[in-house]
N, C-alpha and C. Protein backbone atom coordinates (compact mmCIF):
# COMPACT_ATOMS: atom_id res chain seq x y z
N MET A 1 -50.80 -100.86 18.86
CA MET A 1 -49.86 -100.47 19.82
C MET A 1 -48.88 -101.59 19.81
N LYS A 2 -47.40 -101.36 19.90
CA LYS A 2 -46.56 -102.59 20.10
C LYS A 2 -46.20 -102.78 21.82
N ASN A 3 -46.30 -104.21 21.55
CA ASN A 3 -45.75 -104.76 23.31
C ASN A 3 -44.25 -104.90 23.32
N TYR A 4 -43.28 -104.70 24.26
CA TYR A 4 -42.71 -105.07 24.51
C TYR A 4 -42.40 -106.17 25.67
N TYR A 5 -41.06 -106.64 25.66
CA TYR A 5 -40.96 -108.11 26.63
C TYR A 5 -39.68 -108.29 27.23
N PHE A 6 -39.63 -108.91 28.18
CA PHE A 6 -38.72 -108.94 28.95
C PHE A 6 -38.26 -110.66 28.79
N PRO A 7 -36.75 -111.29 28.26
CA PRO A 7 -36.65 -112.60 28.64
C PRO A 7 -36.17 -113.02 29.69
N VAL A 8 -36.71 -113.97 30.32
CA VAL A 8 -35.94 -114.71 31.57
C VAL A 8 -35.74 -116.44 30.87
N PHE A 9 -34.31 -115.76 31.10
CA PHE A 9 -33.75 -117.30 30.84
C PHE A 9 -33.13 -118.14 31.84
N ASP A 10 -33.49 -119.32 31.91
CA ASP A 10 -32.94 -120.13 33.48
C ASP A 10 -32.17 -121.66 32.67
N THR A 11 -31.21 -121.32 33.05
CA THR A 11 -30.10 -122.72 32.85
C THR A 11 -30.26 -123.48 33.45
N GLY A 12 -30.62 -123.30 35.11
CA GLY A 12 -31.17 -124.35 36.10
C GLY A 12 -29.67 -124.71 36.83
N GLN A 13 -28.74 -124.24 36.46
CA GLN A 13 -27.46 -124.17 37.05
C GLN A 13 -27.39 -123.48 38.37
N LEU A 14 -28.18 -122.56 38.92
CA LEU A 14 -28.24 -122.28 40.04
C LEU A 14 -29.57 -122.61 40.89
N LYS A 15 -29.24 -123.09 42.16
CA LYS A 15 -30.72 -123.56 43.16
C LYS A 15 -31.38 -122.40 43.51
N THR A 16 -32.24 -122.13 43.88
CA THR A 16 -33.30 -121.25 43.92
C THR A 16 -32.93 -120.16 45.41
N SER A 17 -32.28 -120.96 46.19
CA SER A 17 -31.45 -120.21 47.16
C SER A 17 -30.28 -119.65 46.63
N GLU A 18 -29.33 -119.75 46.01
CA GLU A 18 -28.65 -119.54 45.56
C GLU A 18 -28.80 -117.98 44.32
N ILE A 19 -30.18 -117.96 43.99
CA ILE A 19 -30.45 -116.90 43.21
C ILE A 19 -31.12 -116.05 43.63
N LEU A 20 -31.47 -116.52 45.15
CA LEU A 20 -31.68 -115.28 46.45
C LEU A 20 -30.22 -114.70 47.00
N ASP A 21 -29.20 -115.31 46.88
CA ASP A 21 -27.92 -114.69 47.61
C ASP A 21 -27.48 -113.87 46.35
N LEU A 22 -27.42 -113.97 45.28
CA LEU A 22 -27.42 -113.23 44.24
C LEU A 22 -27.73 -111.75 44.48
N CYS A 23 -29.24 -111.67 44.88
CA CYS A 23 -29.98 -110.60 44.96
C CYS A 23 -29.69 -110.24 45.84
N GLU A 24 -29.01 -110.68 47.38
CA GLU A 24 -28.54 -109.94 48.77
C GLU A 24 -27.73 -109.70 48.79
N LYS A 25 -26.78 -109.71 47.36
CA LYS A 25 -25.70 -109.14 47.24
C LYS A 25 -25.84 -107.75 46.63
N LEU A 26 -27.05 -107.09 46.52
CA LEU A 26 -27.42 -106.18 45.17
C LEU A 26 -28.28 -105.46 46.30
N PHE A 27 -29.40 -106.11 47.12
CA PHE A 27 -30.73 -105.45 47.87
C PHE A 27 -30.74 -105.94 49.13
N PRO A 28 -31.43 -105.59 49.71
CA PRO A 28 -31.97 -106.83 50.68
C PRO A 28 -33.00 -107.21 50.39
N VAL A 29 -33.21 -108.56 50.89
CA VAL A 29 -34.24 -109.59 50.62
C VAL A 29 -34.78 -110.14 51.85
N TYR A 30 -36.19 -110.14 52.01
CA TYR A 30 -37.03 -111.15 52.91
C TYR A 30 -37.66 -111.87 51.71
N CYS A 31 -37.49 -113.53 52.73
CA CYS A 31 -38.11 -114.58 52.12
C CYS A 31 -38.96 -115.58 52.96
N TYR A 32 -39.98 -115.55 53.04
CA TYR A 32 -40.95 -116.70 54.02
C TYR A 32 -40.13 -117.88 53.91
N ASN A 33 -39.85 -118.47 54.46
CA ASN A 33 -39.35 -120.08 54.29
C ASN A 33 -38.07 -120.28 53.67
N ARG A 34 -37.51 -119.72 53.88
CA ARG A 34 -36.24 -119.74 52.97
C ARG A 34 -35.26 -121.03 53.43
N GLU A 35 -35.50 -121.57 54.05
CA GLU A 35 -34.77 -122.85 54.20
C GLU A 35 -35.00 -123.96 53.29
N ASN A 36 -36.46 -124.00 53.06
CA ASN A 36 -36.93 -124.44 52.47
C ASN A 36 -37.49 -124.61 51.00
N VAL A 37 -36.47 -123.04 50.26
CA VAL A 37 -37.05 -122.44 48.72
C VAL A 37 -36.60 -123.64 47.82
N ASP A 38 -35.25 -124.19 48.30
CA ASP A 38 -34.69 -125.43 47.12
C ASP A 38 -35.27 -126.82 47.10
N LYS A 39 -36.23 -127.29 47.73
CA LYS A 39 -36.74 -128.21 48.21
C LYS A 39 -38.17 -128.13 47.58
N GLU A 40 -38.87 -126.66 47.47
CA GLU A 40 -40.02 -126.14 47.06
C GLU A 40 -39.93 -126.25 45.83
N PHE A 41 -38.94 -125.32 45.44
CA PHE A 41 -38.55 -124.76 44.04
C PHE A 41 -37.42 -125.45 43.46
N PRO A 42 -36.95 -126.74 42.87
CA PRO A 42 -36.06 -127.08 42.27
C PRO A 42 -35.59 -126.57 41.54
N LEU A 43 -34.48 -126.92 40.96
CA LEU A 43 -33.70 -126.65 39.34
C LEU A 43 -34.91 -127.24 38.35
N PRO A 44 -34.79 -126.71 37.56
CA PRO A 44 -35.77 -127.04 36.39
C PRO A 44 -35.18 -128.27 35.26
N LYS A 45 -36.21 -129.11 34.90
CA LYS A 45 -35.14 -130.22 34.27
C LYS A 45 -34.47 -129.97 33.22
N LYS A 46 -34.95 -128.63 32.67
CA LYS A 46 -34.21 -128.35 31.32
C LYS A 46 -34.09 -126.59 31.24
N THR A 47 -33.29 -126.08 30.68
CA THR A 47 -33.11 -124.75 30.26
C THR A 47 -34.50 -124.09 29.98
N THR A 48 -35.07 -123.16 30.77
CA THR A 48 -35.97 -122.34 30.04
C THR A 48 -35.72 -121.20 28.98
N LEU A 49 -36.50 -120.66 28.29
CA LEU A 49 -36.69 -119.50 27.94
C LEU A 49 -38.30 -118.92 27.78
N ARG A 50 -38.52 -118.03 28.56
CA ARG A 50 -40.01 -117.37 28.61
C ARG A 50 -39.70 -116.33 28.36
N TRP A 51 -41.13 -115.07 28.19
CA TRP A 51 -41.12 -113.93 27.57
C TRP A 51 -42.06 -113.04 28.50
N PHE A 52 -41.76 -112.06 29.12
CA PHE A 52 -43.06 -111.30 30.11
C PHE A 52 -42.98 -109.84 29.37
N LYS A 53 -44.40 -109.46 29.76
CA LYS A 53 -44.57 -108.08 29.08
C LYS A 53 -43.69 -107.44 30.01
N ALA A 54 -43.01 -106.39 29.24
CA ALA A 54 -41.90 -105.63 30.01
C ALA A 54 -42.60 -104.55 30.60
N ASN A 55 -43.65 -104.94 31.79
CA ASN A 55 -44.37 -103.57 33.05
C ASN A 55 -43.39 -103.81 33.82
N ILE A 56 -43.67 -102.71 34.55
CA ILE A 56 -43.15 -102.47 35.82
C ILE A 56 -43.68 -102.71 37.00
N GLU A 57 -44.96 -102.98 36.99
CA GLU A 57 -45.93 -103.69 37.39
C GLU A 57 -46.58 -105.12 36.66
N ALA A 58 -47.11 -106.33 37.86
CA ALA A 58 -47.38 -107.60 36.92
C ALA A 58 -48.64 -106.90 36.03
N ASP A 59 -49.06 -107.47 35.30
CA ASP A 59 -50.33 -107.58 34.44
C ASP A 59 -51.28 -107.44 34.79
N GLU A 60 -52.12 -106.18 34.94
CA GLU A 60 -53.09 -105.62 34.91
C GLU A 60 -54.25 -106.44 34.70
N GLU A 61 -54.20 -106.77 33.45
CA GLU A 61 -55.64 -107.37 33.10
C GLU A 61 -55.96 -108.99 33.63
N HIS A 62 -55.31 -109.41 34.99
CA HIS A 62 -54.98 -110.34 35.45
C HIS A 62 -55.29 -110.09 37.40
N LYS A 63 -55.24 -108.73 37.35
CA LYS A 63 -55.89 -108.49 39.02
C LYS A 63 -57.41 -109.23 39.24
N ASN A 64 -57.35 -109.16 40.48
CA ASN A 64 -58.43 -109.91 41.41
C ASN A 64 -58.56 -111.57 40.58
N LYS A 65 -57.55 -112.12 40.42
CA LYS A 65 -57.51 -113.31 39.92
C LYS A 65 -56.69 -114.33 40.49
N SER A 66 -57.26 -115.58 41.09
CA SER A 66 -56.21 -116.46 41.77
C SER A 66 -55.54 -117.38 40.99
N ALA A 67 -54.68 -118.18 42.11
CA ALA A 67 -54.03 -119.01 40.92
C ALA A 67 -54.95 -120.02 40.41
N ASP A 68 -55.52 -120.38 41.31
CA ASP A 68 -56.54 -121.86 41.15
C ASP A 68 -57.40 -121.33 39.46
N GLY A 69 -57.94 -119.54 39.45
CA GLY A 69 -58.71 -119.37 38.57
C GLY A 69 -57.90 -119.28 37.08
N LEU A 70 -56.83 -118.76 37.45
CA LEU A 70 -55.68 -118.69 36.18
C LEU A 70 -55.71 -120.08 35.53
N GLU A 71 -55.46 -120.83 36.08
CA GLU A 71 -55.10 -122.35 36.03
C GLU A 71 -56.34 -122.83 34.76
N LYS A 72 -57.55 -122.69 35.37
CA LYS A 72 -58.76 -123.02 34.98
C LYS A 72 -59.06 -122.14 33.50
N GLU A 73 -58.18 -120.68 33.61
CA GLU A 73 -58.43 -119.75 32.55
C GLU A 73 -57.26 -120.39 31.78
N GLY A 74 -56.24 -121.43 31.50
CA GLY A 74 -55.46 -121.96 30.37
C GLY A 74 -53.90 -120.88 31.13
N ILE A 75 -54.15 -120.18 31.81
CA ILE A 75 -53.10 -119.10 31.53
C ILE A 75 -51.94 -119.35 32.80
N VAL A 76 -50.75 -119.24 32.02
CA VAL A 76 -49.51 -119.70 32.34
C VAL A 76 -48.70 -118.95 32.91
N GLY A 77 -48.75 -118.81 34.23
CA GLY A 77 -47.60 -117.67 34.93
C GLY A 77 -46.53 -118.33 35.23
N ILE A 78 -45.63 -116.66 35.47
CA ILE A 78 -44.32 -116.65 35.87
C ILE A 78 -43.84 -117.61 37.10
N THR A 79 -42.74 -118.42 37.26
CA THR A 79 -42.28 -118.94 38.14
C THR A 79 -41.92 -118.26 39.40
N LEU A 80 -41.60 -118.61 40.75
CA LEU A 80 -40.44 -117.97 41.44
C LEU A 80 -39.51 -117.73 41.02
N ARG A 81 -38.59 -118.48 40.58
CA ARG A 81 -37.44 -119.02 39.90
C ARG A 81 -37.41 -117.58 38.81
N GLU A 82 -38.33 -117.59 37.96
CA GLU A 82 -38.23 -116.41 36.73
C GLU A 82 -38.48 -115.00 37.63
N ARG A 83 -39.41 -115.00 38.11
CA ARG A 83 -39.48 -113.65 38.89
C ARG A 83 -38.12 -113.32 39.29
N LEU A 84 -37.47 -113.98 40.44
CA LEU A 84 -36.29 -113.51 41.16
C LEU A 84 -34.97 -113.25 40.02
N LEU A 85 -34.88 -114.04 38.87
CA LEU A 85 -34.01 -113.29 37.70
C LEU A 85 -34.42 -112.76 37.07
N LEU A 86 -36.27 -112.01 36.81
CA LEU A 86 -36.42 -111.29 36.42
C LEU A 86 -35.84 -109.88 37.24
N GLU A 87 -36.30 -110.19 38.42
CA GLU A 87 -35.61 -108.73 39.54
C GLU A 87 -34.33 -108.46 39.32
N LEU A 88 -33.40 -109.89 39.02
CA LEU A 88 -32.13 -109.36 39.00
C LEU A 88 -31.46 -108.75 38.01
N ASN A 89 -32.17 -109.11 36.62
CA ASN A 89 -31.96 -108.25 35.40
C ASN A 89 -32.20 -107.35 35.18
N TYR A 90 -33.51 -107.06 35.57
CA TYR A 90 -33.72 -105.75 35.44
C TYR A 90 -33.07 -104.77 36.23
N TYR A 91 -33.06 -105.44 37.80
CA TYR A 91 -32.33 -104.00 38.83
C TYR A 91 -30.66 -103.96 37.92
N SER A 92 -30.25 -104.79 37.26
CA SER A 92 -28.59 -104.80 36.92
C SER A 92 -28.68 -103.81 35.61
N PHE A 93 -29.62 -103.81 34.84
CA PHE A 93 -29.69 -102.67 34.14
C PHE A 93 -30.15 -101.35 34.58
N THR A 94 -31.33 -101.77 35.30
CA THR A 94 -31.85 -100.38 35.19
C THR A 94 -31.57 -99.34 36.76
N GLY A 95 -31.22 -100.63 37.75
CA GLY A 95 -31.00 -100.01 38.98
C GLY A 95 -32.27 -99.83 40.17
N LYS A 96 -33.51 -100.09 39.21
CA LYS A 96 -34.86 -99.96 39.91
C LYS A 96 -35.21 -101.24 40.05
N HIS A 97 -36.12 -101.17 40.96
CA HIS A 97 -37.02 -102.57 41.26
C HIS A 97 -38.45 -102.89 40.19
N LEU A 98 -39.15 -103.62 40.43
CA LEU A 98 -40.16 -103.89 40.00
C LEU A 98 -41.63 -104.42 40.78
N ASP A 99 -42.47 -104.32 40.51
CA ASP A 99 -43.54 -104.37 41.77
C ASP A 99 -43.82 -103.71 42.69
N ILE A 100 -43.48 -102.48 42.72
CA ILE A 100 -43.20 -101.20 43.82
C ILE A 100 -44.81 -101.05 44.00
N ASP A 101 -45.87 -100.89 43.43
CA ASP A 101 -47.14 -100.85 43.65
C ASP A 101 -48.38 -101.97 44.07
N ASN A 102 -47.58 -103.05 43.49
CA ASN A 102 -48.42 -104.15 43.09
C ASN A 102 -47.39 -105.78 43.63
N ILE A 103 -48.38 -106.28 43.75
CA ILE A 103 -47.54 -107.61 44.17
C ILE A 103 -47.76 -108.78 43.07
N THR A 104 -46.75 -109.17 42.27
CA THR A 104 -46.50 -110.41 41.32
C THR A 104 -46.87 -111.50 42.15
N LEU A 105 -47.66 -112.13 41.29
CA LEU A 105 -48.50 -113.71 41.96
C LEU A 105 -48.01 -114.77 41.14
N CYS A 106 -46.99 -115.44 41.69
CA CYS A 106 -45.97 -116.37 40.74
C CYS A 106 -46.77 -117.74 40.49
N ALA A 107 -48.01 -117.52 39.75
CA ALA A 107 -49.07 -118.61 39.77
C ALA A 107 -48.26 -119.86 38.93
N GLY A 108 -46.95 -120.01 38.19
CA GLY A 108 -46.42 -121.15 37.57
C GLY A 108 -45.99 -121.76 38.61
N SER A 109 -45.80 -121.47 40.12
CA SER A 109 -45.18 -122.42 41.07
C SER A 109 -45.79 -122.77 41.84
N ARG A 110 -45.72 -123.64 43.05
CA ARG A 110 -46.77 -124.05 44.10
C ARG A 110 -45.61 -124.77 45.10
N ASP A 111 -46.02 -124.30 46.04
CA ASP A 111 -45.54 -125.44 47.27
C ASP A 111 -46.04 -126.41 47.48
N SER A 112 -44.97 -127.40 48.24
CA SER A 112 -46.33 -128.97 49.01
C SER A 112 -47.38 -128.32 49.48
N ASP A 113 -47.84 -127.65 49.96
CA ASP A 113 -49.01 -127.16 50.79
C ASP A 113 -50.16 -126.85 49.80
N GLY A 114 -49.47 -126.37 48.73
CA GLY A 114 -50.40 -125.40 47.21
C GLY A 114 -50.12 -124.23 47.52
N GLY A 115 -49.26 -123.93 48.25
CA GLY A 115 -49.03 -122.34 48.40
C GLY A 115 -48.68 -121.75 47.54
N VAL A 116 -49.13 -120.12 46.99
CA VAL A 116 -48.48 -119.79 45.64
C VAL A 116 -47.16 -118.65 46.37
N PRO A 117 -46.17 -118.59 45.91
CA PRO A 117 -45.36 -117.28 46.11
C PRO A 117 -45.51 -116.32 45.87
N VAL A 118 -45.09 -115.54 46.13
CA VAL A 118 -45.65 -113.88 45.64
C VAL A 118 -44.42 -112.60 46.00
N VAL A 119 -44.18 -111.94 45.25
CA VAL A 119 -42.90 -111.13 45.28
C VAL A 119 -43.53 -109.40 44.71
N ASP A 120 -42.57 -108.86 45.70
CA ASP A 120 -43.13 -107.49 45.22
C ASP A 120 -41.45 -106.77 45.95
N TRP A 121 -41.62 -105.41 45.80
CA TRP A 121 -40.83 -104.48 46.56
C TRP A 121 -41.11 -103.51 47.73
N ARG A 122 -41.08 -104.08 48.63
CA ARG A 122 -42.18 -103.51 49.67
C ARG A 122 -41.03 -103.12 50.85
N GLY A 123 -41.23 -101.89 51.70
CA GLY A 123 -40.50 -101.47 52.94
C GLY A 123 -38.57 -101.72 52.68
N GLY A 124 -38.60 -101.20 51.20
CA GLY A 124 -36.95 -101.29 51.02
C GLY A 124 -36.36 -102.30 50.92
N ARG A 125 -36.95 -103.50 50.70
CA ARG A 125 -36.31 -104.39 50.21
C ARG A 125 -37.05 -105.98 49.34
N LEU A 126 -36.98 -106.78 48.81
CA LEU A 126 -37.48 -107.61 48.20
C LEU A 126 -37.96 -108.44 49.05
N GLN A 127 -39.59 -108.45 48.80
CA GLN A 127 -40.10 -109.42 49.81
C GLN A 127 -40.82 -110.68 48.81
N VAL A 128 -40.52 -111.94 49.36
CA VAL A 128 -40.80 -112.98 48.86
C VAL A 128 -42.14 -113.46 50.14
N ASP A 129 -43.38 -114.01 49.74
CA ASP A 129 -44.51 -114.32 50.77
C ASP A 129 -45.04 -115.28 50.18
N TRP A 130 -45.66 -116.20 50.71
CA TRP A 130 -46.76 -117.01 49.97
C TRP A 130 -48.42 -116.60 50.04
N TYR A 131 -48.92 -116.84 49.21
CA TYR A 131 -50.29 -116.67 49.02
C TYR A 131 -51.11 -118.08 48.66
N GLY A 132 -51.85 -118.17 49.73
CA GLY A 132 -53.19 -119.63 48.85
C GLY A 132 -53.37 -119.09 47.29
N TYR A 133 -53.33 -120.53 46.86
CA TYR A 133 -54.13 -120.79 45.51
C TYR A 133 -55.15 -120.28 45.25
N VAL A 134 -56.06 -119.97 45.98
CA VAL A 134 -57.59 -119.50 45.95
C VAL A 134 -57.69 -117.72 46.18
N GLY A 135 -56.75 -117.22 46.64
CA GLY A 135 -56.90 -115.94 47.03
C GLY A 135 -56.59 -114.99 45.94
N ALA A 136 -57.53 -113.51 45.78
CA ALA A 136 -57.09 -112.89 45.10
C ALA A 136 -57.11 -111.26 45.27
N GLY A 137 -56.74 -110.77 44.88
CA GLY A 137 -56.65 -108.91 45.31
C GLY A 137 -56.84 -107.72 43.87
N ASP A 138 -56.86 -107.06 44.48
CA ASP A 138 -56.67 -105.68 43.34
C ASP A 138 -55.62 -105.49 43.20
N ASP A 139 -54.17 -105.73 44.03
CA ASP A 139 -52.94 -106.03 44.25
C ASP A 139 -52.22 -106.81 43.65
N LEU A 140 -53.10 -108.00 43.51
CA LEU A 140 -52.12 -109.17 43.38
C LEU A 140 -52.54 -109.27 41.68
N ARG A 141 -51.29 -109.81 41.22
CA ARG A 141 -51.74 -109.84 39.59
C ARG A 141 -50.46 -110.46 39.07
N VAL A 142 -50.39 -111.63 38.04
CA VAL A 142 -49.61 -112.41 37.52
C VAL A 142 -48.97 -112.13 36.45
N ARG A 143 -47.63 -112.36 35.81
CA ARG A 143 -46.99 -111.92 35.00
C ARG A 143 -47.23 -113.50 33.92
N GLU A 144 -48.10 -112.84 33.13
CA GLU A 144 -48.32 -114.04 31.91
C GLU A 144 -47.32 -114.64 31.29
N ALA A 145 -47.26 -115.89 30.87
CA ALA A 145 -45.75 -116.50 30.29
C ALA A 145 -46.10 -116.51 28.44
N VAL A 146 -45.27 -115.74 27.82
CA VAL A 146 -45.29 -115.73 26.36
C VAL A 146 -44.10 -116.67 25.74
N SER A 147 -44.44 -117.99 25.06
CA SER A 147 -43.38 -118.74 24.77
C SER A 147 -42.39 -117.95 24.01
N ASN A 148 -42.81 -117.47 22.77
CA ASN A 148 -41.84 -117.09 21.99
C ASN A 148 -43.05 -115.46 21.26
N PRO A 149 -42.87 -114.22 21.58
CA PRO A 149 -43.39 -113.23 21.25
C PRO A 149 -42.68 -112.69 19.96
N PHE A 150 -42.00 -113.29 19.41
CA PHE A 150 -40.98 -112.68 17.88
C PHE A 150 -40.98 -114.05 17.37
N ASP A 151 -41.26 -113.93 15.75
CA ASP A 151 -40.96 -114.69 15.02
C ASP A 151 -39.48 -114.67 14.61
N LEU A 152 -38.11 -114.97 15.35
CA LEU A 152 -36.82 -114.70 15.11
C LEU A 152 -35.93 -115.74 16.03
N ASN A 153 -35.02 -116.30 15.33
CA ASN A 153 -34.07 -116.85 16.15
C ASN A 153 -33.62 -116.01 17.29
N LEU A 154 -33.53 -116.84 18.44
CA LEU A 154 -33.38 -116.43 19.96
C LEU A 154 -32.01 -116.65 19.88
N LEU A 155 -31.05 -117.36 19.61
CA LEU A 155 -29.66 -117.78 19.34
C LEU A 155 -28.80 -116.34 19.66
N PRO A 156 -28.87 -115.17 19.27
CA PRO A 156 -28.05 -114.24 19.20
C PRO A 156 -28.60 -113.27 20.89
N LEU A 157 -30.07 -113.57 21.30
CA LEU A 157 -30.37 -112.98 22.52
C LEU A 157 -29.39 -113.85 23.75
N LYS A 158 -29.68 -115.16 23.19
CA LYS A 158 -28.42 -115.91 24.42
C LYS A 158 -26.98 -115.28 24.53
N ASP A 159 -26.29 -115.11 23.42
CA ASP A 159 -25.54 -114.69 23.39
C ASP A 159 -25.09 -113.51 23.56
N LYS A 160 -26.04 -112.57 23.88
CA LYS A 160 -26.05 -111.40 24.14
C LYS A 160 -26.00 -111.27 25.67
N TRP A 161 -26.82 -112.28 25.96
CA TRP A 161 -26.92 -112.31 27.63
C TRP A 161 -25.67 -113.08 28.38
N ILE A 162 -24.89 -114.22 27.78
CA ILE A 162 -24.14 -114.64 28.21
C ILE A 162 -22.74 -113.55 27.80
N GLU A 163 -22.44 -112.82 27.26
CA GLU A 163 -21.69 -111.42 26.97
C GLU A 163 -22.00 -110.73 28.05
N GLN A 164 -22.99 -110.54 28.66
CA GLN A 164 -23.33 -109.59 29.62
C GLN A 164 -23.03 -109.81 30.75
N GLY A 165 -23.48 -111.40 30.87
CA GLY A 165 -22.85 -111.76 32.36
C GLY A 165 -21.54 -112.14 32.30
N GLU A 166 -20.33 -112.59 31.48
CA GLU A 166 -19.00 -112.67 31.76
C GLU A 166 -18.82 -110.96 32.12
N LYS A 167 -19.28 -109.89 31.01
CA LYS A 167 -18.77 -108.43 31.94
C LYS A 167 -19.14 -108.21 33.30
N GLU A 168 -20.04 -108.87 33.42
CA GLU A 168 -20.25 -108.85 34.51
C GLU A 168 -19.68 -109.22 35.94
N GLY A 169 -19.10 -110.46 35.73
CA GLY A 169 -18.64 -111.27 36.22
C GLY A 169 -19.42 -112.44 36.84
N TRP A 170 -20.43 -112.45 36.46
CA TRP A 170 -21.52 -113.68 37.08
C TRP A 170 -21.46 -115.04 36.09
N ILE A 171 -21.08 -114.74 34.97
CA ILE A 171 -20.68 -115.93 34.09
C ILE A 171 -19.17 -115.94 33.34
N SER A 172 -18.63 -117.15 33.54
CA SER A 172 -17.25 -117.42 33.00
C SER A 172 -17.61 -118.66 32.11
N GLU A 173 -16.58 -118.56 30.93
CA GLU A 173 -16.61 -119.99 30.03
C GLU A 173 -18.40 -120.30 29.90
N GLY A 174 -19.06 -119.47 29.88
CA GLY A 174 -20.71 -119.82 29.50
C GLY A 174 -21.19 -120.75 30.46
N LYS A 175 -21.15 -120.29 31.61
CA LYS A 175 -21.39 -121.13 32.72
C LYS A 175 -21.47 -120.16 33.80
N VAL A 176 -22.63 -120.10 34.66
CA VAL A 176 -23.13 -119.12 35.62
C VAL A 176 -21.85 -119.39 37.13
N ILE A 177 -21.31 -118.45 37.49
CA ILE A 177 -20.54 -118.58 38.51
C ILE A 177 -21.15 -118.68 39.66
N LYS A 178 -21.23 -119.32 40.74
CA LYS A 178 -21.85 -119.72 42.01
C LYS A 178 -20.94 -118.34 42.86
């Protein structure tokens, strides 16, 4: 069976709060502790490109696993920023949302108290909440990061991403417009 993947490209040009603002231009958003998201989830130090299985729901094989347990297993999970960018991208292309029946545990992120962000589509809005790092549940799942699932040059993908952003008006001259 062939696997398909979603690319998530984070240039670090937008603060986490600005990514949430972009989401709010397209659909309703609730974010617990929103006033502190930039402090808790700052810009990445460098541009990142990571891949996640192209599933509507987070990875089923990781249900009932806590962020602490995933870390002990060596599983690298999606960050809050990546999950928000993934939602924006998916919605822009499909007009639909991710995690309708389950919740993505953003195990690649922790706040200053050790809490782990969780994201899902519930009650007609994108929900961003926090969960304990040892908490697990049947509906709580991580999206496992894959560095490069393909043996190919990724530059053409970056060019297509920039081209799409310029067409949609959120990138100009290769830079994200705020």
